[in-house]
Amino acid sequence: WGRHAGSRPILEAPQVKSAESLPARAGQIVVPHQNAQGQSLGRSFAGQWEDWQSRPRTPATERDAEQALQDLARRDPVRAMALALSEANGMLRERLRNAVLKGWAASSPEKAADWALALPSADRRPALVAVFSGAAGRPAEAALLGKKLCTQIPAEAGDYGQLLISALTESGAYETAADFAQEDESEHGPAWLNAAYYQWAMRQPESALKAFGGISDPAARSHAFLGLTAGWAEANPAAVASYALNLPAGSDRAEALGQMLSQWATRDPLTASEWMLKNLNPSTDLDGGVAAVASLPSLVSQRPEIAVGWAESIADPALRVSTLTTVARLWSQRDLDGARRYVRSASALSIEEKEALGLGLTTGP
């Protein structure tokens, strides 16, 4: 790894406030027999590294190197980074660098973040992804790091917060992610809260629902509910359907059913339609979700008769007509004759509305 670097210039390690200097130049291989404190790392790592250097490059051996440097970085990030930056292959060097940052952040998240922030702007974001990923193993410390970076660099706060949320939810620290988002008072908090509950409900809906029940602030509840229903509906629309039916009529019920219907109709329009016809009575609080589903281009393209049936079930007359118009126009793009036949026979459309559709829908060949 790096043995054949030659004279090609490589990315120099940025200067950081701490004492770590990471000199790594092309062709220079540092085999870490000792860490920065002079403690022996044993012969095993040095031997393994020399073995990896001598082996042909393959995806498997490259992954071995990434894992080895990530493990080494937990106890000696200076030596690990020197090895990573001595790699001549630019793409692999970046992966090794990020593996080191991930391991480093698992033990010293702030120092790893300082190092990543000193990189050129083009390299900074993937490096911080690795930092937050490594720090997420200790969720409370990761959240503190996220708050610090958002406060110190407010112009980048939206991105840093989202990186933290992604890392925490990826590691399963959903509650910490949700708490971080809910406690934030900036304009970014609602989006982070939505994202946290989306990921949480996709995998642990019962836990997400329980945590959601503890939110008292109306605005926070609204953003969390949007994420919760969207994530849960993506994973299990039938379960969301059962949950939504037990909600009182109102915006929450309409939102949950709308999310569920959209996901379910996209995947299995027949089953979703059968469920809707069996369980739902037309009502204005369902109209928005039904209209969104009926107007899905994918549904109209594959099963226009189902899309029409959904549109005709809309309770509000004006929305019903506008949705039928949208469905007919989409249908005509794929099957003009079929759309014409429907429009001619549609009792839900007046003569004026049929004529307003245009595209020659009311006059057949």
Foldseek 3Di string as FASTA:
>chain_A
DLQPQPQDAFDAQFDFPDPQHADAGRNDADQPQDAPVRHGPDCVRSVVVVVLVPDDDDPVSLVVLLQSLLQVLLPHLSNSLNRLGSHNDPVSSLSSNLSSLLSVLLRPLVVSLRRLVRDPPVSNVSSLLSSLLSVLVPVVVSLVVLVVVCVVCVVCNLVSLQSNLVNNLVVPVLVSQLVSLVPDPDPNSLVSNLQSLLSCLLVPLVVSVVVLVPDDDPVSNVSNLLSNLLNNLLNPLVVLVVVLLPDDDDQSSLSNNLSNLQNCCLPPVVVSLVCCVVRHQADQSNQVSLLVNLLPLSCLQPPLVSSLVSLCRHDDLVSSLVSLLSSLVSNCVRPLQVSLVCLCPPPSDDPVSSVVSDPCSPPDD
